[in-house]
């Protein structure tokens, strides 16, 4: 299923909807609408129209840290390294089993279920810093 998760323009809370539909923020009541998508390759962000997207494993990093943390705690408690190996195996299995998600550098919207996500480039720190600096300058000029 194709969906996009993005921050509400009013309050910043995450909302999720399909392309071509509107959604009401559960936190502030603001309405957001995404343009329709023809089902072809994802060429730009559906939220902000930015053409720079990267692929990332759709894996909750906190869950990964929790799995490894439990393994480490069991290692200390039992004195055996096997719980660490087990938790690393579970983490690795989930990492390779879960699909990729396309993330916009500018607005951080997560695009799921699009056919060409696997062909997108991986995260590029230089691109990320460019957009972070751009956002910083926007906020600074609005404050002045």
C-alpha atoms as a PDB file:
ATOM      1  CA  UNK A   1       0.000   0.000   0.000  1.00  0.00           C
ATOM      2  CA  UNK A   2       1.319   3.421  -0.973  1.00  0.00           C
ATOM      3  CA  UNK A   3       1.356   6.011   1.826  1.00  0.00           C
ATOM      4  CA  UNK A   4       3.140   9.168   2.905  1.00  0.00           C
ATOM      5  CA  UNK A   5       3.886  10.160   6.505  1.00  0.00           C
ATOM      6  CA  UNK A   6       4.773  13.807   7.102  1.00  0.00           C
ATOM      7  CA  UNK A   7       4.668  16.515   9.748  1.00  0.00           C
ATOM      8  CA  UNK A   8       1.532  18.657  10.046  1.00  0.00           C
ATOM      9  CA  UNK A   9       2.193  22.192   8.782  1.00  0.00           C
ATOM     10  CA  UNK A  10       0.522  23.693  11.863  1.00  0.00           C
ATOM     11  CA  UNK A  11       1.739  21.632  14.826  1.00  0.00           C
ATOM     12  CA  UNK A  12       4.392  19.274  13.425  1.00  0.00           C
ATOM     13  CA  UNK A  13       2.687  16.053  14.588  1.00  0.00           C
ATOM     14  CA  UNK A  14       3.076  13.118  12.197  1.00  0.00           C
ATOM     15  CA  UNK A  15       0.125  12.374   9.915  1.00  0.00           C
ATOM     16  CA  UNK A  16      -0.198   9.637   7.315  1.00  0.00           C
ATOM     17  CA  UNK A  17      -2.298   9.505   4.168  1.00  0.00           C
ATOM     18  CA  UNK A  18      -2.350   8.081   0.653  1.00  0.00           C
ATOM     19  CA  UNK A  19      -1.517  10.245  -2.386  1.00  0.00           C
ATOM     20  CA  UNK A  20      -4.523  12.097  -3.772  1.00  0.00           C
ATOM     21  CA  UNK A  21      -6.347  12.207  -0.445  1.00  0.00           C
ATOM     22  CA  UNK A  22      -6.675  14.694   2.374  1.00  0.00           C
ATOM     23  CA  UNK A  23      -6.091  14.101   6.062  1.00  0.00           C
ATOM     24  CA  UNK A  24      -7.092  15.982   9.199  1.00  0.00           C
ATOM     25  CA  UNK A  25      -4.452  16.277  11.908  1.00  0.00           C
ATOM     26  CA  UNK A  26      -5.620  14.568  15.074  1.00  0.00           C
ATOM     27  CA  UNK A  27      -3.720  17.056  17.207  1.00  0.00           C
ATOM     28  CA  UNK A  28      -4.708  20.482  15.850  1.00  0.00           C
ATOM     29  CA  UNK A  29      -7.428  19.782  13.266  1.00  0.00           C
ATOM     30  CA  UNK A  30      -5.521  21.232  10.315  1.00  0.00           C
ATOM     31  CA  UNK A  31      -6.246  19.683   6.913  1.00  0.00           C
ATOM     32  CA  UNK A  32      -3.514  18.634   4.490  1.00  0.00           C
ATOM     33  CA  UNK A  33      -3.950  17.260   0.992  1.00  0.00           C
ATOM     34  CA  UNK A  34      -1.436  15.402  -1.143  1.00  0.00           C
ATOM     35  CA  UNK A  35      -1.448  15.477  -4.938  1.00  0.00           C
ATOM     36  CA  UNK A  36      -2.465  12.265  -6.703  1.00  0.00           C
ATOM     37  CA  UNK A  37       0.210   9.845  -7.893  1.00  0.00           C
ATOM     38  CA  UNK A  38      -0.168   7.775 -11.044  1.00  0.00           C
ATOM     39  CA  UNK A  39       1.559   4.702  -9.617  1.00  0.00           C
ATOM     40  CA  UNK A  40       4.750   5.283 -11.594  1.00  0.00           C
ATOM     41  CA  UNK A  41       8.177   5.914 -10.108  1.00  0.00           C
ATOM     42  CA  UNK A  42       8.491   8.399  -7.290  1.00  0.00           C
ATOM     43  CA  UNK A  43      10.381  11.358  -8.750  1.00  0.00           C
ATOM     44  CA  UNK A  44       9.812  14.017  -6.091  1.00  0.00           C
ATOM     45  CA  UNK A  45       8.411  14.449  -2.623  1.00  0.00           C
ATOM     46  CA  UNK A  46       4.632  14.570  -2.666  1.00  0.00           C
ATOM     47  CA  UNK A  47       4.588  17.002   0.269  1.00  0.00           C
ATOM     48  CA  UNK A  48       7.111  19.715  -0.664  1.00  0.00           C
ATOM     49  CA  UNK A  49       7.990  18.878  -4.311  1.00  0.00           C
ATOM     50  CA  UNK A  50      11.701  18.446  -3.489  1.00  0.00           C
ATOM     51  CA  UNK A  51      13.437  16.216  -6.046  1.00  0.00           C
ATOM     52  CA  UNK A  52      16.059  14.878  -3.648  1.00  0.00           C
ATOM     53  CA  UNK A  53      15.035  11.710  -1.813  1.00  0.00           C
ATOM     54  CA  UNK A  54      17.059   8.944  -0.243  1.00  0.00           C
ATOM     55  CA  UNK A  55      16.271   5.375   0.668  1.00  0.00           C
ATOM     56  CA  UNK A  56      16.411   4.108   4.200  1.00  0.00           C
ATOM     57  CA  UNK A  57      15.426   0.827   5.802  1.00  0.00           C
ATOM     58  CA  UNK A  58      11.935   1.188   7.291  1.00  0.00           C
ATOM     59  CA  UNK A  59      13.174   0.020  10.669  1.00  0.00           C
ATOM     60  CA  UNK A  60      12.465   1.642  14.005  1.00  0.00           C
ATOM     61  CA  UNK A  61      15.909   2.508  15.369  1.00  0.00           C
ATOM     62  CA  UNK A  62      14.638   2.605  18.948  1.00  0.00           C
ATOM     63  CA  UNK A  63      13.386  -0.959  18.575  1.00  0.00           C
ATOM     64  CA  UNK A  64      16.817  -2.003  17.302  1.00  0.00           C
ATOM     65  CA  UNK A  65      18.510  -0.347  20.264  1.00  0.00           C
ATOM     66  CA  UNK A  66      16.030  -1.961  22.651  1.00  0.00           C
ATOM     67  CA  UNK A  67      16.729  -5.425  21.219  1.00  0.00           C
ATOM     68  CA  UNK A  68      20.483  -4.941  21.565  1.00  0.00           C
ATOM     69  CA  UNK A  69      20.046  -3.384  25.033  1.00  0.00           C
ATOM     70  CA  UNK A  70      18.055  -6.385  26.251  1.00  0.00           C
ATOM     71  CA  UNK A  71      20.739  -8.686  24.853  1.00  0.00           C
ATOM     72  CA  UNK A  72      23.428  -6.711  26.669  1.00  0.00           C
ATOM     73  CA  UNK A  73      21.485  -6.787  29.940  1.00  0.00           C
ATOM     74  CA  UNK A  74      20.990 -10.549  29.618  1.00  0.00           C
ATOM     75  CA  UNK A  75      24.690 -10.916  28.859  1.00  0.00           C
ATOM     76  CA  UNK A  76      25.576  -9.162  32.105  1.00  0.00           C
ATOM     77  CA  UNK A  77      22.911 -11.051  34.063  1.00  0.00           C
ATOM     78  CA  UNK A  78      23.756 -14.546  32.740  1.00  0.00           C
ATOM     79  CA  UNK A  79      27.470 -14.093  32.174  1.00  0.00           C
ATOM     80  CA  UNK A  80      27.100 -15.678  28.741  1.00  0.00           C
ATOM     81  CA  UNK A  81      27.648 -13.942  25.419  1.00  0.00           C
ATOM     82  CA  UNK A  82      24.859 -15.973  23.748  1.00  0.00           C
ATOM     83  CA  UNK A  83      22.044 -13.458  24.500  1.00  0.00           C
ATOM     84  CA  UNK A  84      24.086 -10.781  22.703  1.00  0.00           C
ATOM     85  CA  UNK A  85      24.488 -13.028  19.672  1.00  0.00           C
ATOM     86  CA  UNK A  86      20.774 -13.845  19.747  1.00  0.00           C
ATOM     87  CA  UNK A  87      19.710 -10.221  19.945  1.00  0.00           C
ATOM     88  CA  UNK A  88      22.114  -9.292  17.146  1.00  0.00           C
ATOM     89  CA  UNK A  89      20.654 -12.101  15.011  1.00  0.00           C
ATOM     90  CA  UNK A  90      17.079 -10.881  15.670  1.00  0.00           C
ATOM     91  CA  UNK A  91      18.082  -7.294  14.860  1.00  0.00           C
ATOM     92  CA  UNK A  92      19.835  -8.373  11.657  1.00  0.00           C
ATOM     93  CA  UNK A  93      16.900 -10.547  10.594  1.00  0.00           C
ATOM     94  CA  UNK A  94      14.448  -7.657  11.040  1.00  0.00           C
ATOM     95  CA  UNK A  95      16.775  -5.241   9.274  1.00  0.00           C
ATOM     96  CA  UNK A  96      16.962  -7.374   6.126  1.00  0.00           C
ATOM     97  CA  UNK A  97      13.328  -8.470   6.232  1.00  0.00           C
ATOM     98  CA  UNK A  98      11.749  -5.003   6.369  1.00  0.00           C
ATOM     99  CA  UNK A  99      11.277  -2.877   3.210  1.00  0.00           C
ATOM    100  CA  UNK A 100      12.914   0.426   2.289  1.00  0.00           C
ATOM    101  CA  UNK A 101      11.265   3.809   2.653  1.00  0.00           C
ATOM    102  CA  UNK A 102      11.995   6.973   0.627  1.00  0.00           C
ATOM    103  CA  UNK A 103      12.710  10.040   2.773  1.00  0.00           C
ATOM    104  CA  UNK A 104      12.742  13.643   1.583  1.00  0.00           C
ATOM    105  CA  UNK A 105      15.850  15.614   2.506  1.00  0.00           C
ATOM    106  CA  UNK A 106      13.885  18.871   2.859  1.00  0.00           C
ATOM    107  CA  UNK A 107      10.733  17.978   4.829  1.00  0.00           C
ATOM    108  CA  UNK A 108      11.613  14.464   6.097  1.00  0.00           C
ATOM    109  CA  UNK A 109       8.374  12.979   4.654  1.00  0.00           C
ATOM    110  CA  UNK A 110       8.426   9.158   4.515  1.00  0.00           C
ATOM    111  CA  UNK A 111       7.097   7.632   1.274  1.00  0.00           C
ATOM    112  CA  UNK A 112       6.184   3.937   1.551  1.00  0.00           C
ATOM    113  CA  UNK A 113       5.171   1.390  -1.061  1.00  0.00           C
ATOM    114  CA  UNK A 114       6.446   3.098  -4.220  1.00  0.00           C
ATOM    115  CA  UNK A 115       7.977   0.824  -6.853  1.00  0.00           C
ATOM    116  CA  UNK A 116      11.335   2.553  -7.361  1.00  0.00           C
ATOM    117  CA  UNK A 117      12.466   3.115  -3.768  1.00  0.00           C
ATOM    118  CA  UNK A 118      15.207   0.490  -4.204  1.00  0.00           C
ATOM    119  CA  UNK A 119      16.806   2.562  -6.988  1.00  0.00           C
ATOM    120  CA  UNK A 120      17.158   5.717  -4.895  1.00  0.00           C
ATOM    121  CA  UNK A 121      20.564   6.657  -3.517  1.00  0.00           C
ATOM    122  CA  UNK A 122      21.419   5.968   0.097  1.00  0.00           C
ATOM    123  CA  UNK A 123      21.640   8.783   2.647  1.00  0.00           C
ATOM    124  CA  UNK A 124      24.176  11.505   1.780  1.00  0.00           C
ATOM    125  CA  UNK A 125      25.369  13.590   4.739  1.00  0.00           C
ATOM    126  CA  UNK A 126      26.406  16.491   2.485  1.00  0.00           C
ATOM    127  CA  UNK A 127      22.875  16.754   0.983  1.00  0.00           C
ATOM    128  CA  UNK A 128      21.368  16.511   4.468  1.00  0.00           C
ATOM    129  CA  UNK A 129      23.573  19.321   5.780  1.00  0.00           C
ATOM    130  CA  UNK A 130      22.693  21.469   2.754  1.00  0.00           C
ATOM    131  CA  UNK A 131      18.974  21.258   3.544  1.00  0.00           C
ATOM    132  CA  UNK A 132      19.543  21.633   7.287  1.00  0.00           C
ATOM    133  CA  UNK A 133      21.513  24.832   6.646  1.00  0.00           C
ATOM    134  CA  UNK A 134      18.830  26.049   4.236  1.00  0.00           C
ATOM    135  CA  UNK A 135      16.145  25.541   6.909  1.00  0.00           C
ATOM    136  CA  UNK A 136      18.303  27.304   9.505  1.00  0.00           C
ATOM    137  CA  UNK A 137      18.723  30.332   7.225  1.00  0.00           C
ATOM    138  CA  UNK A 138      14.967  30.394   6.502  1.00  0.00           C
ATOM    139  CA  UNK A 139      14.159  30.458  10.203  1.00  0.00           C
ATOM    140  CA  UNK A 140      16.808  33.111  10.842  1.00  0.00           C
ATOM    141  CA  UNK A 141      15.467  35.404   8.086  1.00  0.00           C
ATOM    142  CA  UNK A 142      11.894  34.989   9.392  1.00  0.00           C
ATOM    143  CA  UNK A 143      13.027  35.986  12.892  1.00  0.00           C
ATOM    144  CA  UNK A 144      14.735  39.151  11.624  1.00  0.00           C
END
